[in-house]
């Protein structure tokens, strides 16, 4: 049955839930709470929103792999160095940066310590890079830290390519490397380089350099024996040309980087009486003081040249001269000037002799004589030809005498 429709009239009141009129006190409270909420939202929003915003703006940086992290650290380091460089170069003339660079590059390194780990390479070790590297490998494996390389031997042979005009194009030059190259090879091997040169004992260069002994009253060079018996020339310490030549050698070696130059064979030949009275009578060979002064003049000239480039000179003296009653014509003749000797640095070359069972006693005796002859000089000893228990005994004797021991 169909329902009857009834008209219902809905009455509408003018009332709005959301526009209910508030009191003035409540309006003021609402305003204060609204402002406080806005401030809180601003602070929290900045604290949370900014990192979130940074994350999305730089998300590639935070999602890179480990290689990128390493690169970032490297770049950070580079930037720091770059900033320091920029700060250092604020001066318009760049003086701050220039001074820093010069001080680090021009400061002379300390000479290598001659501390008992010095090894003397074979005389011809520097003749080529192959022979030098081989000798260095042996020295390094034996635990040495400093090596002495012969650059001019007792015959006057140069084991480096010298630029000294009087000898550079002669047969005296056997080396294929420059002094600087030799220094670099030793240095790169992790060893400290020292150079060794023969001074007055030189049979190849006296004529070319003008430093030879000349016969008195006649033309010709003096030889230490008859020519048919293998007589050889020597450099004379009385010749200015000799001093000039040896200074040039020292200057060349020191300029290459060597900070220690060991001078060997600073001595006179074994003169006969007729040499002193006849063949070389114009030289003061009969005056002991003048003879010694001439030897020291050569050593002083070498030392002055070396020290000008930050190098120091050691003098090598053989055990034969130290033990000889008459030290004339040995490399121990320089000891007659006690003042000069006491201010020097001396390496005594001690060769094996006598019975192995007496090695300790003999070395002990020699050490006492060597130190007395040195007159307070800084000393060390190079031992040659010992092995086994004899070597241990000799090393013990010199260490007890407070003399650093070098080997060959």
Protein backbone atom coordinates (compact mmCIF):
# COMPACT_ATOMS: atom_id res chain seq x y z
CA UNK A 1 0.00 0.00 0.00
CA UNK A 2 1.40 3.26 -0.98
CA UNK A 3 2.44 5.47 1.81
CA UNK A 4 0.95 8.83 1.97
CA UNK A 5 3.39 11.60 1.48
CA UNK A 6 3.52 14.09 4.32
CA UNK A 7 5.09 17.46 3.95
CA UNK A 8 7.51 18.17 6.81
CA UNK A 9 8.84 21.59 7.23
CA UNK A 10 12.40 21.88 8.60
CA UNK A 11 13.03 24.90 10.63
CA UNK A 12 16.52 26.45 10.18
CA UNK A 13 18.19 28.52 12.90
CA UNK A 14 20.87 31.02 12.21
CA UNK A 15 23.59 29.19 14.20
CA UNK A 16 27.17 28.32 13.12
CA UNK A 17 29.25 25.96 15.22
CA UNK A 18 32.53 27.27 13.77
CA UNK A 19 31.67 30.92 14.14
CA UNK A 20 30.71 30.80 17.72
CA UNK A 21 31.43 34.14 19.24
CA UNK A 22 34.28 34.06 21.74
CA UNK A 23 34.89 36.23 24.73
CA UNK A 24 37.66 38.81 24.61
CA UNK A 25 39.77 36.94 27.20
CA UNK A 26 39.49 33.75 25.26
CA UNK A 27 40.44 35.51 22.06
CA UNK A 28 43.61 36.86 23.71
CA UNK A 29 44.53 33.41 25.03
CA UNK A 30 43.99 31.87 21.62
CA UNK A 31 46.25 34.47 20.00
CA UNK A 32 49.07 33.78 22.47
CA UNK A 33 48.83 30.01 22.01
CA UNK A 34 48.81 30.42 18.24
CA UNK A 35 51.97 32.53 18.27
CA UNK A 36 53.75 30.04 20.59
CA UNK A 37 52.79 27.11 18.36
CA UNK A 38 54.07 28.94 15.29
CA UNK A 39 57.43 29.59 16.94
CA UNK A 40 57.75 25.96 18.02
CA UNK A 41 56.94 24.74 14.53
CA UNK A 42 59.51 27.12 13.07
CA UNK A 43 62.28 25.84 15.30
CA UNK A 44 61.43 22.17 14.86
CA UNK A 45 60.87 22.63 11.18
CA UNK A 46 64.26 24.24 10.68
CA UNK A 47 66.03 21.59 12.75
CA UNK A 48 64.44 18.71 10.85
CA UNK A 49 63.69 20.26 7.52
CA UNK A 50 67.11 21.66 6.72
CA UNK A 51 68.98 18.30 6.99
CA UNK A 52 66.20 16.67 5.00
CA UNK A 53 66.45 19.37 2.35
CA UNK A 54 70.26 19.05 2.28
CA UNK A 55 69.93 15.31 1.92
CA UNK A 56 67.75 15.57 -1.19
CA UNK A 57 69.89 18.32 -2.68
CA UNK A 58 73.14 16.37 -2.12
CA UNK A 59 71.90 12.80 -2.15
CA UNK A 60 74.53 11.79 -4.72
CA UNK A 61 77.27 12.66 -2.24
CA UNK A 62 75.85 10.37 0.46
CA UNK A 63 75.19 7.43 -1.82
CA UNK A 64 78.68 7.24 -3.46
CA UNK A 65 80.84 4.14 -3.15
CA UNK A 66 84.04 3.72 -1.08
CA UNK A 67 86.31 4.91 -3.87
CA UNK A 68 84.48 8.23 -3.86
CA UNK A 69 85.05 8.54 -0.11
CA UNK A 70 88.77 8.08 -0.62
CA UNK A 71 88.69 10.67 -3.36
CA UNK A 72 86.85 13.10 -1.11
CA UNK A 73 89.51 12.75 1.62
CA UNK A 74 92.23 13.32 -0.94
CA UNK A 75 90.49 16.36 -2.33
CA UNK A 76 90.03 17.75 1.18
CA UNK A 77 93.75 17.42 1.80
CA UNK A 78 94.55 19.12 -1.47
CA UNK A 79 92.25 22.01 -0.66
CA UNK A 80 93.96 22.47 2.70
CA UNK A 81 97.41 22.63 1.09
CA UNK A 82 96.10 24.96 -1.56
CA UNK A 83 94.67 27.27 1.07
CA UNK A 84 97.99 27.42 2.91
CA UNK A 85 99.79 28.21 -0.32
CA UNK A 86 97.35 31.00 -1.08
CA UNK A 87 97.77 32.41 2.43
CA UNK A 88 101.56 32.27 2.12
CA UNK A 89 101.49 34.15 -1.15
CA UNK A 90 99.38 37.06 0.04
CA UNK A 91 102.38 39.33 -0.37
CA UNK A 92 102.26 40.83 -3.82
CA UNK A 93 105.91 39.93 -4.48
CA UNK A 94 105.46 36.33 -3.33
CA UNK A 95 108.34 36.66 -0.88
CA UNK A 96 106.80 34.45 1.81
CA UNK A 97 106.44 31.48 -0.52
CA UNK A 98 109.84 32.09 -2.06
CA UNK A 99 111.61 32.18 1.30
CA UNK A 100 109.90 28.98 2.43
CA UNK A 101 110.91 27.17 -0.75
CA UNK A 102 114.49 28.38 -0.68
CA UNK A 103 114.99 27.47 2.97
CA UNK A 104 113.83 23.89 2.37
CA UNK A 105 115.87 23.40 -0.77
CA UNK A 106 119.09 25.21 0.03
CA UNK A 107 119.60 23.96 3.59
CA UNK A 108 122.58 21.60 3.52
CA UNK A 109 121.76 18.17 4.93
CA UNK A 110 123.87 16.92 7.80
CA UNK A 111 126.84 14.79 6.69
CA UNK A 112 126.08 11.08 7.04
CA UNK A 113 127.16 9.62 10.33
CA UNK A 114 130.40 7.64 10.19
CA UNK A 115 129.05 5.39 12.90
CA UNK A 116 130.56 1.97 12.38
CA UNK A 117 128.31 0.82 9.54
CA UNK A 118 130.51 2.20 6.76
CA UNK A 119 131.48 -0.19 4.00
CA UNK A 120 134.27 0.56 1.52
CA UNK A 121 133.27 -0.66 -1.93
CA UNK A 122 135.83 -2.28 -4.28
CA UNK A 123 137.97 0.37 -5.97
CA UNK A 124 136.37 -0.05 -9.41
CA UNK A 125 132.78 -0.40 -8.17
CA UNK A 126 131.71 2.93 -9.70
CA UNK A 127 133.04 2.12 -13.16
CA UNK A 128 129.51 1.36 -14.42
CA UNK A 129 125.95 1.30 -13.13
CA UNK A 130 125.93 -2.51 -13.23
CA UNK A 131 129.03 -2.90 -11.07
CA UNK A 132 127.88 -0.18 -8.71
CA UNK A 133 124.41 -1.67 -8.19
CA UNK A 134 125.92 -5.08 -7.58
CA UNK A 135 128.32 -3.72 -4.95
CA UNK A 136 125.54 -1.74 -3.28
CA UNK A 137 123.29 -4.78 -3.06
CA UNK A 138 126.05 -6.65 -1.21
CA UNK A 139 126.65 -3.74 1.16
CA UNK A 140 122.96 -3.32 1.90
CA UNK A 141 122.36 -7.01 2.53
CA UNK A 142 125.23 -6.94 5.04
CA UNK A 143 123.43 -4.23 7.00
CA UNK A 144 125.62 -1.24 6.18
CA UNK A 145 124.13 2.25 6.06
CA UNK A 146 126.99 4.28 4.53
CA UNK A 147 129.22 3.25 1.63
CA UNK A 148 132.52 4.78 0.56
CA UNK A 149 133.01 4.68 -3.20
CA UNK A 150 136.41 5.27 -4.82
CA UNK A 151 136.15 8.00 -7.45
CA UNK A 152 139.90 8.43 -8.07
CA UNK A 153 142.25 5.54 -7.33
CA UNK A 154 145.96 5.21 -6.49
CA UNK A 155 146.87 5.22 -10.19
CA UNK A 156 144.93 8.41 -10.79
CA UNK A 157 142.11 6.63 -12.63
CA UNK A 158 138.81 8.49 -12.48
CA UNK A 159 135.81 6.21 -11.95
CA UNK A 160 133.43 9.02 -12.85
CA UNK A 161 133.13 11.34 -15.85
CA UNK A 162 135.10 14.36 -14.71
CA UNK A 163 134.84 17.76 -16.37
CA UNK A 164 138.32 18.89 -15.29
CA UNK A 165 139.73 20.25 -18.53
CA UNK A 166 143.25 18.80 -18.21
CA UNK A 167 142.09 15.20 -17.79
CA UNK A 168 138.51 14.80 -19.04
CA UNK A 169 139.49 13.63 -22.52
CA UNK A 170 142.37 11.40 -21.42
CA UNK A 171 142.66 7.69 -20.74
CA UNK A 172 142.60 8.45 -17.04
CA UNK A 173 138.81 8.56 -17.16
CA UNK A 174 137.36 5.05 -16.97
CA UNK A 175 133.98 5.77 -15.42
CA UNK A 176 130.79 5.93 -17.49
CA UNK A 177 128.71 7.81 -14.90
CA UNK A 178 128.97 11.36 -13.63
CA UNK A 179 129.67 11.94 -9.94
CA UNK A 180 126.08 13.16 -9.53
CA UNK A 181 124.71 9.97 -11.11
CA UNK A 182 126.84 7.83 -8.79
CA UNK A 183 125.58 9.80 -5.80
CA UNK A 184 121.96 9.39 -6.91
CA UNK A 185 122.29 5.63 -7.43
CA UNK A 186 123.72 5.18 -3.94
CA UNK A 187 121.14 7.48 -2.40
CA UNK A 188 118.22 5.75 -4.14
CA UNK A 189 119.53 2.42 -2.85
CA UNK A 190 118.80 3.74 0.63
CA UNK A 191 122.47 4.23 1.56
CA UNK A 192 124.47 7.33 2.50
CA UNK A 193 127.25 8.07 -0.02
CA UNK A 194 130.86 8.92 0.88
CA UNK A 195 133.59 9.49 -1.73
CA UNK A 196 137.20 8.30 -1.57
CA UNK A 197 140.06 9.75 -3.62
CA UNK A 198 143.78 9.16 -3.85
CA UNK A 199 145.56 12.50 -3.61
CA UNK A 200 149.33 12.60 -4.28
CA UNK A 201 149.78 8.98 -5.35
CA UNK A 202 148.79 9.41 -9.00
CA UNK A 203 150.80 8.06 -11.92
CA UNK A 204 148.42 9.08 -14.71
CA UNK A 205 147.77 12.79 -14.31
CA UNK A 206 150.91 14.63 -13.11
CA UNK A 207 152.06 15.50 -16.64
CA UNK A 208 148.65 16.62 -17.89
CA UNK A 209 147.95 18.76 -14.84
CA UNK A 210 151.44 20.24 -14.46
CA UNK A 211 151.76 18.86 -10.94
CA UNK A 212 154.61 16.39 -11.38
CA UNK A 213 158.05 16.35 -9.75
CA UNK A 214 160.52 17.88 -12.20
CA UNK A 215 164.20 17.11 -12.43
CA UNK A 216 166.41 19.83 -11.00
CA UNK A 217 168.46 21.69 -13.61
CA UNK A 218 167.18 19.76 -16.62
CA UNK A 219 164.01 19.05 -18.52
CA UNK A 220 162.08 15.97 -17.61
CA UNK A 221 159.86 14.40 -14.98
CA UNK A 222 161.13 12.56 -11.97
CA UNK A 223 160.07 8.88 -11.69
CA UNK A 224 160.01 6.74 -8.57
CA UNK A 225 162.10 4.08 -10.34
CA UNK A 226 163.84 3.52 -13.63
CA UNK A 227 161.42 3.67 -16.51
CA UNK A 228 162.31 0.15 -17.62
CA UNK A 229 161.47 -1.05 -14.12
CA UNK A 230 158.03 0.52 -14.15
CA UNK A 231 158.95 3.91 -12.71
CA UNK A 232 155.97 6.21 -12.20
CA UNK A 233 155.29 9.89 -11.75
CA UNK A 234 153.70 11.40 -8.62
CA UNK A 235 151.93 14.65 -7.84
CA UNK A 236 154.19 17.04 -5.95
CA UNK A 237 152.69 18.90 -2.96
CA UNK A 238 155.10 21.74 -3.68
CA UNK A 239 153.39 22.54 -6.99
CA UNK A 240 150.52 25.01 -7.10
CA UNK A 241 149.15 23.03 -10.03
CA UNK A 242 148.75 20.00 -7.77
CA UNK A 243 146.72 21.96 -5.24
CA UNK A 244 144.56 23.46 -7.98
CA UNK A 245 143.93 20.04 -9.52
CA UNK A 246 142.96 18.32 -6.26
CA UNK A 247 140.77 21.25 -5.21
CA UNK A 248 138.93 20.87 -8.52
CA UNK A 249 138.38 17.16 -7.84
CA UNK A 250 137.00 17.87 -4.36
CA UNK A 251 134.83 20.70 -5.66
CA UNK A 252 133.36 18.48 -8.38
CA UNK A 253 132.59 15.64 -5.96
CA UNK A 254 131.08 17.89 -3.30
CA UNK A 255 128.98 19.67 -5.92
CA UNK A 256 127.58 16.26 -6.93
CA UNK A 257 126.14 15.85 -3.43
CA UNK A 258 128.81 13.92 -1.51
CA UNK A 259 129.11 15.20 2.05
CA UNK A 260 132.14 13.12 3.06
CA UNK A 261 135.39 12.97 1.07
CA UNK A 262 138.05 10.53 2.23
CA UNK A 263 141.58 11.50 1.18
CA UNK A 264 144.02 8.60 0.84
CA UNK A 265 147.73 8.48 -0.08
CA UNK A 266 148.66 11.99 1.02
CA UNK A 267 152.34 11.18 1.15
CA UNK A 268 155.71 11.37 -0.55
CA UNK A 269 157.21 8.63 -2.70
CA UNK A 270 159.96 6.52 -1.17
CA UNK A 271 162.81 8.88 -2.09
CA UNK A 272 166.38 7.65 -2.30
CA UNK A 273 169.15 9.82 -0.93
CA UNK A 274 170.29 10.70 -4.46
CA UNK A 275 166.81 12.00 -5.25
CA UNK A 276 166.99 14.45 -2.35
CA UNK A 277 170.58 15.54 -2.94
CA UNK A 278 170.64 15.57 -6.76
CA UNK A 279 167.55 14.96 -8.87
CA UNK A 280 165.18 16.99 -6.69
CA UNK A 281 167.67 19.15 -4.86
CA UNK A 282 165.67 22.35 -5.52
CA UNK A 283 162.90 21.09 -3.21
CA UNK A 284 163.09 21.26 0.62
CA UNK A 285 162.89 17.49 0.96
CA UNK A 286 165.54 17.51 3.67
CA UNK A 287 163.46 19.81 5.89
CA UNK A 288 160.94 17.77 7.91
CA UNK A 289 158.83 20.77 8.91
CA UNK A 290 158.52 22.05 5.33
CA UNK A 291 157.71 18.58 4.07
CA UNK A 292 154.87 18.22 6.57
CA UNK A 293 153.61 21.73 5.90
CA UNK A 294 153.38 20.98 2.16
CA UNK A 295 151.30 17.85 2.82
CA UNK A 296 148.92 19.73 5.08
CA UNK A 297 148.64 22.56 2.57
CA UNK A 298 147.19 20.07 0.09
CA UNK A 299 144.77 18.64 2.63
CA UNK A 300 143.73 22.11 3.76
CA UNK A 301 143.03 23.17 0.18
CA UNK A 302 140.85 20.11 -0.39
CA UNK A 303 139.05 20.68 2.91
CA UNK A 304 138.38 24.34 2.10
CA UNK A 305 136.96 23.43 -1.29
CA UNK A 306 134.80 20.66 0.18
CA UNK A 307 133.50 22.67 3.12
CA UNK A 308 132.42 25.42 0.75
CA UNK A 309 129.76 22.99 -0.46
CA UNK A 310 128.88 21.50 2.91
CA UNK A 311 131.23 18.49 2.76
CA UNK A 312 133.85 17.37 5.26
CA UNK A 313 137.21 15.67 4.76
CA UNK A 314 138.50 12.53 6.45
CA UNK A 315 142.16 11.49 6.07
CA UNK A 316 142.99 7.83 5.50
CA UNK A 317 146.24 6.63 7.05
CA UNK A 318 147.70 3.11 6.68
CA UNK A 319 148.75 0.96 9.60
CA UNK A 320 152.24 0.49 8.11
CA UNK A 321 153.06 4.17 8.56
CA UNK A 322 151.66 4.28 12.09
CA UNK A 323 153.78 1.30 13.13
CA UNK A 324 156.94 2.44 11.32
CA UNK A 325 159.77 3.89 13.41
CA UNK A 326 160.56 6.36 10.63
CA UNK A 327 157.33 7.80 9.27
CA UNK A 328 159.03 9.72 6.47
CA UNK A 329 157.55 8.86 3.04
CA UNK A 330 154.48 7.22 4.60
CA UNK A 331 150.99 8.64 4.94
CA UNK A 332 151.63 8.94 8.70
CA UNK A 333 154.22 11.66 8.09
CA UNK A 334 151.49 14.28 8.58
CA UNK A 335 151.39 13.35 12.27
CA UNK A 336 154.57 15.28 12.94
CA UNK A 337 152.39 18.41 13.08
CA UNK A 338 150.45 17.65 16.25
CA UNK A 339 148.32 20.78 16.06
CA UNK A 340 146.99 20.03 12.58
CA UNK A 341 146.52 16.35 13.38
CA UNK A 342 144.48 16.98 16.51
CA UNK A 343 141.90 19.01 14.59
CA UNK A 344 141.49 16.44 11.81
CA UNK A 345 139.30 13.39 11.22
CA UNK A 346 141.38 10.24 10.72
CA UNK A 347 140.51 6.80 9.36
CA UNK A 348 143.21 4.24 10.11
CA UNK A 349 143.46 1.46 7.55
CA UNK A 350 144.38 -1.69 9.46
CA UNK A 351 145.46 -4.74 7.46
CA UNK A 352 145.77 -8.30 8.69
CA UNK A 353 149.22 -9.41 9.87
CA UNK A 354 150.71 -11.97 12.23
CA UNK A 355 148.96 -15.03 13.63
CA UNK A 356 145.21 -15.20 14.01
CA UNK A 357 145.65 -16.15 17.65
CA UNK A 358 147.33 -12.78 18.27
CA UNK A 359 144.67 -10.76 16.46
CA UNK A 360 143.14 -9.25 19.58
CA UNK A 361 146.48 -8.29 21.19
CA UNK A 362 147.89 -6.84 17.97
CA UNK A 363 144.76 -4.77 17.33
CA UNK A 364 144.80 -3.55 20.94
CA UNK A 365 148.43 -2.45 20.58
CA UNK A 366 147.76 -0.73 17.29
CA UNK A 367 144.73 1.11 18.66
CA UNK A 368 146.86 2.57 21.44
CA UNK A 369 149.54 3.76 18.99
CA UNK A 370 146.98 5.12 16.53
CA UNK A 371 145.17 7.16 19.16
CA UNK A 372 148.45 8.54 20.48
CA UNK A 373 149.50 9.56 16.96
CA UNK A 374 146.09 11.16 16.32
CA UNK A 375 146.63 13.51 19.26
CA UNK A 376 142.93 13.84 20.09
CA UNK A 377 141.60 13.75 16.53
CA UNK A 378 138.28 12.06 15.78
CA UNK A 379 139.23 8.55 14.70
CA UNK A 380 137.86 5.38 13.14
CA UNK A 381 139.45 2.24 11.74
CA UNK A 382 139.00 0.39 8.45
CA UNK A 383 139.84 -3.29 8.89
CA UNK A 384 140.99 -5.43 5.97
CA UNK A 385 141.67 -9.11 5.43
CA UNK A 386 140.17 -10.56 8.62
CA UNK A 387 137.59 -13.32 8.97
CA UNK A 388 136.17 -15.72 11.50
CA UNK A 389 137.30 -15.47 15.12
CA UNK A 390 140.17 -13.16 14.18
CA UNK A 391 137.68 -10.67 12.77
CA UNK A 392 135.62 -10.80 15.96
CA UNK A 393 138.73 -10.32 18.09
CA UNK A 394 139.90 -7.32 16.07
CA UNK A 395 136.45 -5.73 16.16
CA UNK A 396 136.31 -6.23 19.92
CA UNK A 397 139.74 -4.63 20.43
CA UNK A 398 138.87 -1.48 18.48
CA UNK A 399 135.45 -1.11 20.04
CA UNK A 400 137.07 -1.30 23.47
CA UNK A 401 139.36 1.50 22.32
CA UNK A 402 136.28 3.54 21.36
CA UNK A 403 137.15 3.47 17.65
CA UNK A 404 134.30 2.89 15.20
CA UNK A 405 135.04 -0.06 12.93
CA UNK A 406 134.53 0.12 9.15
CA UNK A 407 134.91 -2.77 6.75
CA UNK A 408 135.87 -3.54 3.19
